Amino acid sequence: MFVRLANQHREFVRDLVMNLQALAIVLERRGYMASCYTCGGQMNSASFMVSLGENHLIRFLVSDYGITWTEMRDDRELMKLEGAEAISQLQELANLIKYDQPSTSKSSALAES
């Protein structure tokens, strides 16, 4: 049972890393500074960052050890979430991107969040 759970967790982390990479690409195409770095080819961890405007930064870390969402403004930590709450916040960011029109300016709801 534990081996099965460990394998499911590894697959979950890999899926999450692939989605973070895709989100970074979409954000870059929309004009935001975004990046997603992974260590090695196993896709078992990633560091995702996006700048949503002047001094407004989101950092999302995922690895076998945990998942963390950190939001900072003016070099101060505004919010730090872990686990399912961090993933929910990432979904909110993805939804904003999904429904934000490519032609809108950075003063859209995304940049204001």
N, C-alpha and C. Protein backbone atom coordinates (compact mmCIF):
# COMPACT_ATOMS: atom_id res chain seq x y z
N MET A 1 0.81 -1.19 0.00
CA MET A 1 0.00 0.00 0.00
C MET A 1 0.86 1.27 0.00
N PHE A 2 1.92 1.30 0.81
CA PHE A 2 2.75 2.50 0.90
C PHE A 2 3.55 2.74 -0.37
N VAL A 3 3.96 1.69 -1.03
CA VAL A 3 4.67 1.84 -2.29
C VAL A 3 3.74 2.46 -3.33
N ARG A 4 2.51 2.02 -3.36
CA ARG A 4 1.53 2.58 -4.29
C ARG A 4 1.30 4.06 -4.00
N LEU A 5 1.16 4.42 -2.73
CA LEU A 5 0.96 5.82 -2.36
C LEU A 5 2.18 6.68 -2.72
N ALA A 6 3.36 6.13 -2.51
CA ALA A 6 4.58 6.87 -2.87
C ALA A 6 4.63 7.11 -4.38
N ASN A 7 4.27 6.12 -5.17
CA ASN A 7 4.26 6.27 -6.62
C ASN A 7 3.21 7.29 -7.07
N GLN A 8 2.05 7.26 -6.44
CA GLN A 8 1.01 8.24 -6.77
C GLN A 8 1.46 9.66 -6.44
N HIS A 9 2.17 9.80 -5.33
CA HIS A 9 2.67 11.12 -4.95
C HIS A 9 3.70 11.62 -5.97
N ARG A 10 4.59 10.75 -6.39
CA ARG A 10 5.59 11.12 -7.41
C ARG A 10 4.91 11.57 -8.70
N GLU A 11 3.88 10.84 -9.12
CA GLU A 11 3.14 11.20 -10.33
C GLU A 11 2.44 12.55 -10.15
N PHE A 12 1.88 12.78 -8.99
CA PHE A 12 1.22 14.05 -8.69
C PHE A 12 2.21 15.21 -8.80
N VAL A 13 3.39 15.05 -8.20
CA VAL A 13 4.41 16.10 -8.25
C VAL A 13 4.85 16.34 -9.68
N ARG A 14 5.06 15.28 -10.47
CA ARG A 14 5.44 15.43 -11.88
C ARG A 14 4.37 16.19 -12.66
N ASP A 15 3.10 15.85 -12.45
CA ASP A 15 2.01 16.55 -13.13
C ASP A 15 1.98 18.02 -12.73
N LEU A 16 2.17 18.30 -11.46
CA LEU A 16 2.18 19.66 -10.99
C LEU A 16 3.33 20.46 -11.61
N VAL A 17 4.50 19.85 -11.68
CA VAL A 17 5.67 20.50 -12.29
C VAL A 17 5.40 20.81 -13.77
N MET A 18 4.82 19.86 -14.49
CA MET A 18 4.52 20.10 -15.91
C MET A 18 3.52 21.25 -16.07
N ASN A 19 2.53 21.31 -15.20
CA ASN A 19 1.55 22.39 -15.26
C ASN A 19 2.17 23.74 -14.91
N LEU A 20 3.10 23.75 -13.97
CA LEU A 20 3.80 24.99 -13.63
C LEU A 20 4.62 25.49 -14.82
N GLN A 21 5.28 24.57 -15.53
CA GLN A 21 6.05 24.95 -16.70
C GLN A 21 5.14 25.57 -17.77
N ALA A 22 3.99 24.96 -17.98
CA ALA A 22 3.04 25.48 -18.96
C ALA A 22 2.51 26.85 -18.53
N LEU A 23 2.21 27.01 -17.26
CA LEU A 23 1.71 28.29 -16.76
C LEU A 23 2.75 29.39 -16.95
N ALA A 24 4.01 29.07 -16.70
CA ALA A 24 5.08 30.06 -16.90
C ALA A 24 5.16 30.49 -18.36
N ILE A 25 5.01 29.56 -19.28
CA ILE A 25 5.05 29.88 -20.71
C ILE A 25 3.90 30.81 -21.08
N VAL A 26 2.69 30.49 -20.60
CA VAL A 26 1.52 31.32 -20.90
C VAL A 26 1.71 32.72 -20.32
N LEU A 27 2.18 32.81 -19.10
CA LEU A 27 2.40 34.11 -18.48
C LEU A 27 3.42 34.94 -19.26
N GLU A 28 4.51 34.30 -19.69
CA GLU A 28 5.52 35.01 -20.48
C GLU A 28 4.93 35.53 -21.77
N ARG A 29 4.10 34.74 -22.42
CA ARG A 29 3.46 35.16 -23.67
C ARG A 29 2.49 36.32 -23.44
N ARG A 30 1.96 36.42 -22.23
CA ARG A 30 1.05 37.51 -21.89
C ARG A 30 1.81 38.76 -21.43
N GLY A 31 3.14 38.68 -21.39
CA GLY A 31 3.94 39.85 -21.05
C GLY A 31 4.40 39.93 -19.61
N TYR A 32 4.19 38.91 -18.83
CA TYR A 32 4.64 38.90 -17.44
C TYR A 32 6.01 38.23 -17.35
N MET A 33 6.81 38.67 -16.39
CA MET A 33 8.08 38.01 -16.15
C MET A 33 7.78 36.76 -15.31
N ALA A 34 8.01 35.60 -15.89
CA ALA A 34 7.71 34.34 -15.21
C ALA A 34 8.78 33.32 -15.52
N SER A 35 9.00 32.40 -14.59
CA SER A 35 9.97 31.34 -14.82
C SER A 35 9.57 30.10 -14.02
N CYS A 36 10.03 28.97 -14.50
CA CYS A 36 9.83 27.71 -13.80
C CYS A 36 11.09 26.89 -13.97
N TYR A 37 11.79 26.67 -12.89
CA TYR A 37 13.04 25.91 -12.93
C TYR A 37 12.83 24.56 -12.26
N THR A 38 13.42 23.53 -12.88
CA THR A 38 13.38 22.19 -12.30
C THR A 38 14.81 21.71 -12.09
N CYS A 39 14.96 20.77 -11.19
CA CYS A 39 16.27 20.18 -10.93
C CYS A 39 16.33 18.81 -11.59
N GLY A 40 17.20 18.65 -12.56
CA GLY A 40 17.33 17.36 -13.23
C GLY A 40 16.16 17.06 -14.13
N GLY A 41 16.20 15.89 -14.72
CA GLY A 41 15.17 15.50 -15.67
C GLY A 41 14.03 14.70 -15.07
N GLN A 42 14.08 14.45 -13.78
CA GLN A 42 13.06 13.60 -13.16
C GLN A 42 11.78 14.34 -12.84
N MET A 43 11.80 15.66 -12.91
CA MET A 43 10.61 16.49 -12.66
C MET A 43 10.02 16.21 -11.27
N ASN A 44 10.89 16.09 -10.26
CA ASN A 44 10.38 15.84 -8.92
C ASN A 44 10.40 17.08 -8.03
N SER A 45 10.77 18.24 -8.62
CA SER A 45 10.71 19.49 -7.88
C SER A 45 10.75 20.65 -8.87
N ALA A 46 10.23 21.80 -8.43
CA ALA A 46 10.24 22.99 -9.29
C ALA A 46 10.12 24.24 -8.44
N SER A 47 10.66 25.31 -9.00
CA SER A 47 10.53 26.64 -8.43
C SER A 47 9.89 27.51 -9.51
N PHE A 48 8.69 27.99 -9.23
CA PHE A 48 7.93 28.82 -10.16
C PHE A 48 7.85 30.22 -9.58
N MET A 49 8.14 31.23 -10.41
CA MET A 49 8.04 32.62 -9.96
C MET A 49 7.40 33.46 -11.04
N VAL A 50 6.60 34.44 -10.61
CA VAL A 50 5.99 35.38 -11.55
C VAL A 50 5.89 36.75 -10.88
N SER A 51 6.22 37.76 -11.66
CA SER A 51 6.06 39.14 -11.22
C SER A 51 4.75 39.66 -11.78
N LEU A 52 3.83 40.05 -10.89
CA LEU A 52 2.52 40.51 -11.31
C LEU A 52 2.43 42.02 -11.44
N GLY A 53 3.51 42.66 -11.25
CA GLY A 53 3.53 44.12 -11.34
C GLY A 53 4.67 44.65 -10.51
N GLU A 54 4.66 45.94 -10.34
CA GLU A 54 5.74 46.58 -9.61
C GLU A 54 5.86 46.04 -8.19
N ASN A 55 6.96 45.39 -7.91
CA ASN A 55 7.27 44.84 -6.58
C ASN A 55 6.23 43.86 -6.05
N HIS A 56 5.54 43.13 -6.94
CA HIS A 56 4.54 42.13 -6.54
C HIS A 56 4.97 40.79 -7.12
N LEU A 57 5.40 39.87 -6.26
CA LEU A 57 5.99 38.62 -6.70
C LEU A 57 5.28 37.43 -6.07
N ILE A 58 5.08 36.40 -6.89
CA ILE A 58 4.52 35.13 -6.43
C ILE A 58 5.61 34.07 -6.61
N ARG A 59 5.81 33.26 -5.58
CA ARG A 59 6.75 32.14 -5.68
C ARG A 59 6.00 30.88 -5.24
N PHE A 60 6.10 29.84 -6.07
CA PHE A 60 5.46 28.56 -5.78
C PHE A 60 6.53 27.50 -5.85
N LEU A 61 6.74 26.78 -4.77
CA LEU A 61 7.74 25.71 -4.72
C LEU A 61 7.04 24.38 -4.54
N VAL A 62 7.51 23.39 -5.28
CA VAL A 62 6.97 22.04 -5.15
C VAL A 62 8.11 21.04 -5.15
N SER A 63 8.02 20.07 -4.26
CA SER A 63 9.01 18.99 -4.20
C SER A 63 8.39 17.83 -3.44
N ASP A 64 9.16 16.77 -3.29
CA ASP A 64 8.68 15.64 -2.50
C ASP A 64 8.46 16.02 -1.04
N TYR A 65 9.06 17.12 -0.62
CA TYR A 65 8.98 17.53 0.78
C TYR A 65 7.81 18.44 1.08
N GLY A 66 7.21 19.03 0.04
CA GLY A 66 6.07 19.89 0.29
C GLY A 66 5.79 20.85 -0.84
N ILE A 67 4.74 21.63 -0.64
CA ILE A 67 4.27 22.59 -1.63
C ILE A 67 4.03 23.90 -0.89
N THR A 68 4.57 24.99 -1.45
CA THR A 68 4.47 26.28 -0.79
C THR A 68 4.15 27.38 -1.78
N TRP A 69 3.22 28.25 -1.43
CA TRP A 69 2.87 29.47 -2.18
C TRP A 69 3.27 30.64 -1.31
N THR A 70 4.08 31.55 -1.84
CA THR A 70 4.47 32.74 -1.11
C THR A 70 4.20 33.95 -1.99
N GLU A 71 3.49 34.92 -1.44
CA GLU A 71 3.21 36.15 -2.16
C GLU A 71 3.90 37.30 -1.43
N MET A 72 4.65 38.10 -2.21
CA MET A 72 5.41 39.19 -1.62
C MET A 72 5.12 40.50 -2.37
N ARG A 73 5.15 41.57 -1.63
CA ARG A 73 5.03 42.91 -2.21
C ARG A 73 6.02 43.80 -1.46
N ASP A 74 6.80 44.56 -2.23
CA ASP A 74 7.82 45.44 -1.66
C ASP A 74 8.75 44.67 -0.71
N ASP A 75 9.15 43.48 -1.13
CA ASP A 75 10.07 42.61 -0.38
C ASP A 75 9.52 42.16 0.97
N ARG A 76 8.22 42.27 1.16
CA ARG A 76 7.58 41.77 2.39
C ARG A 76 6.67 40.62 2.06
N GLU A 77 6.71 39.62 2.88
CA GLU A 77 5.85 38.46 2.69
C GLU A 77 4.43 38.81 3.11
N LEU A 78 3.50 38.70 2.15
CA LEU A 78 2.11 38.99 2.44
C LEU A 78 1.35 37.75 2.87
N MET A 79 1.66 36.65 2.20
CA MET A 79 0.90 35.42 2.43
C MET A 79 1.80 34.22 2.15
N LYS A 80 1.71 33.23 3.00
CA LYS A 80 2.41 31.97 2.77
C LYS A 80 1.44 30.84 3.05
N LEU A 81 1.23 30.01 2.03
CA LEU A 81 0.31 28.88 2.15
C LEU A 81 1.05 27.60 1.82
N GLU A 82 0.57 26.50 2.34
CA GLU A 82 1.19 25.21 2.07
C GLU A 82 0.12 24.20 1.67
N GLY A 83 0.58 23.15 0.99
CA GLY A 83 -0.29 22.03 0.64
C GLY A 83 -1.45 22.40 -0.24
N ALA A 84 -2.63 21.89 0.13
CA ALA A 84 -3.83 22.08 -0.67
C ALA A 84 -4.20 23.56 -0.80
N GLU A 85 -3.97 24.34 0.26
CA GLU A 85 -4.27 25.77 0.18
C GLU A 85 -3.39 26.46 -0.86
N ALA A 86 -2.13 26.06 -0.94
CA ALA A 86 -1.21 26.62 -1.93
C ALA A 86 -1.67 26.27 -3.34
N ILE A 87 -2.11 25.05 -3.53
CA ILE A 87 -2.58 24.62 -4.85
C ILE A 87 -3.86 25.36 -5.22
N SER A 88 -4.74 25.59 -4.27
CA SER A 88 -5.97 26.35 -4.53
C SER A 88 -5.64 27.78 -4.97
N GLN A 89 -4.65 28.37 -4.33
CA GLN A 89 -4.25 29.73 -4.71
C GLN A 89 -3.64 29.73 -6.11
N LEU A 90 -2.89 28.71 -6.44
CA LEU A 90 -2.34 28.57 -7.78
C LEU A 90 -3.45 28.44 -8.81
N GLN A 91 -4.51 27.71 -8.47
CA GLN A 91 -5.66 27.59 -9.36
C GLN A 91 -6.33 28.93 -9.59
N GLU A 92 -6.42 29.75 -8.56
CA GLU A 92 -6.98 31.09 -8.72
C GLU A 92 -6.15 31.92 -9.69
N LEU A 93 -4.83 31.82 -9.58
CA LEU A 93 -3.95 32.52 -10.52
C LEU A 93 -4.18 32.01 -11.93
N ALA A 94 -4.26 30.71 -12.10
CA ALA A 94 -4.48 30.12 -13.42
C ALA A 94 -5.82 30.56 -13.99
N ASN A 95 -6.85 30.63 -13.15
CA ASN A 95 -8.17 31.08 -13.62
C ASN A 95 -8.12 32.54 -14.08
N LEU A 96 -7.39 33.38 -13.35
CA LEU A 96 -7.26 34.77 -13.77
C LEU A 96 -6.59 34.86 -15.14
N ILE A 97 -5.59 34.03 -15.35
CA ILE A 97 -4.89 34.01 -16.64
C ILE A 97 -5.83 33.51 -17.72
N LYS A 98 -6.56 32.47 -17.40
CA LYS A 98 -7.45 31.85 -18.38
C LYS A 98 -8.52 32.82 -18.88
N TYR A 99 -9.05 33.63 -17.98
CA TYR A 99 -10.15 34.52 -18.36
C TYR A 99 -9.69 35.93 -18.69
N ASP A 100 -8.40 36.21 -18.52
CA ASP A 100 -7.84 37.51 -18.88
C ASP A 100 -7.58 37.52 -20.38
N GLN A 101 -8.04 38.54 -21.07
CA GLN A 101 -7.85 38.61 -22.52
C GLN A 101 -6.42 39.03 -22.82
N PRO A 102 -5.78 38.41 -23.82
CA PRO A 102 -4.40 38.73 -24.16
C PRO A 102 -4.20 40.20 -24.52
N SER A 103 -5.22 40.88 -25.01
CA SER A 103 -5.07 42.26 -25.45
C SER A 103 -5.20 43.26 -24.31
N THR A 104 -5.62 42.81 -23.11
CA THR A 104 -5.79 43.74 -22.01
C THR A 104 -4.43 44.13 -21.45
N SER A 105 -4.40 45.28 -20.81
CA SER A 105 -3.14 45.77 -20.27
C SER A 105 -2.84 45.09 -18.93
N LYS A 106 -1.66 45.38 -18.41
CA LYS A 106 -1.28 44.80 -17.13
C LYS A 106 -2.06 45.39 -15.97
N SER A 107 -2.90 46.34 -16.23
CA SER A 107 -3.74 46.87 -15.16
C SER A 107 -5.00 46.04 -14.98
N SER A 108 -5.02 44.87 -15.62
CA SER A 108 -6.17 43.98 -15.50
C SER A 108 -6.28 43.42 -14.09
N ALA A 109 -7.26 42.61 -13.89
CA ALA A 109 -7.48 42.00 -12.57
C ALA A 109 -6.27 41.19 -12.13
N LEU A 110 -5.53 40.61 -13.07
CA LEU A 110 -4.37 39.80 -12.71
C LEU A 110 -3.32 40.67 -12.04
N ALA A 111 -3.01 41.80 -12.62
CA ALA A 111 -1.98 42.66 -12.07
C ALA A 111 -2.42 43.28 -10.75
N GLU A 112 -3.72 43.41 -10.55
CA GLU A 112 -4.22 44.00 -9.32
C GLU A 112 -4.28 43.01 -8.18
N SER A 113 -4.22 41.73 -8.47
CA SER A 113 -4.35 40.73 -7.41
C SER A 113 -3.13 40.66 -6.53
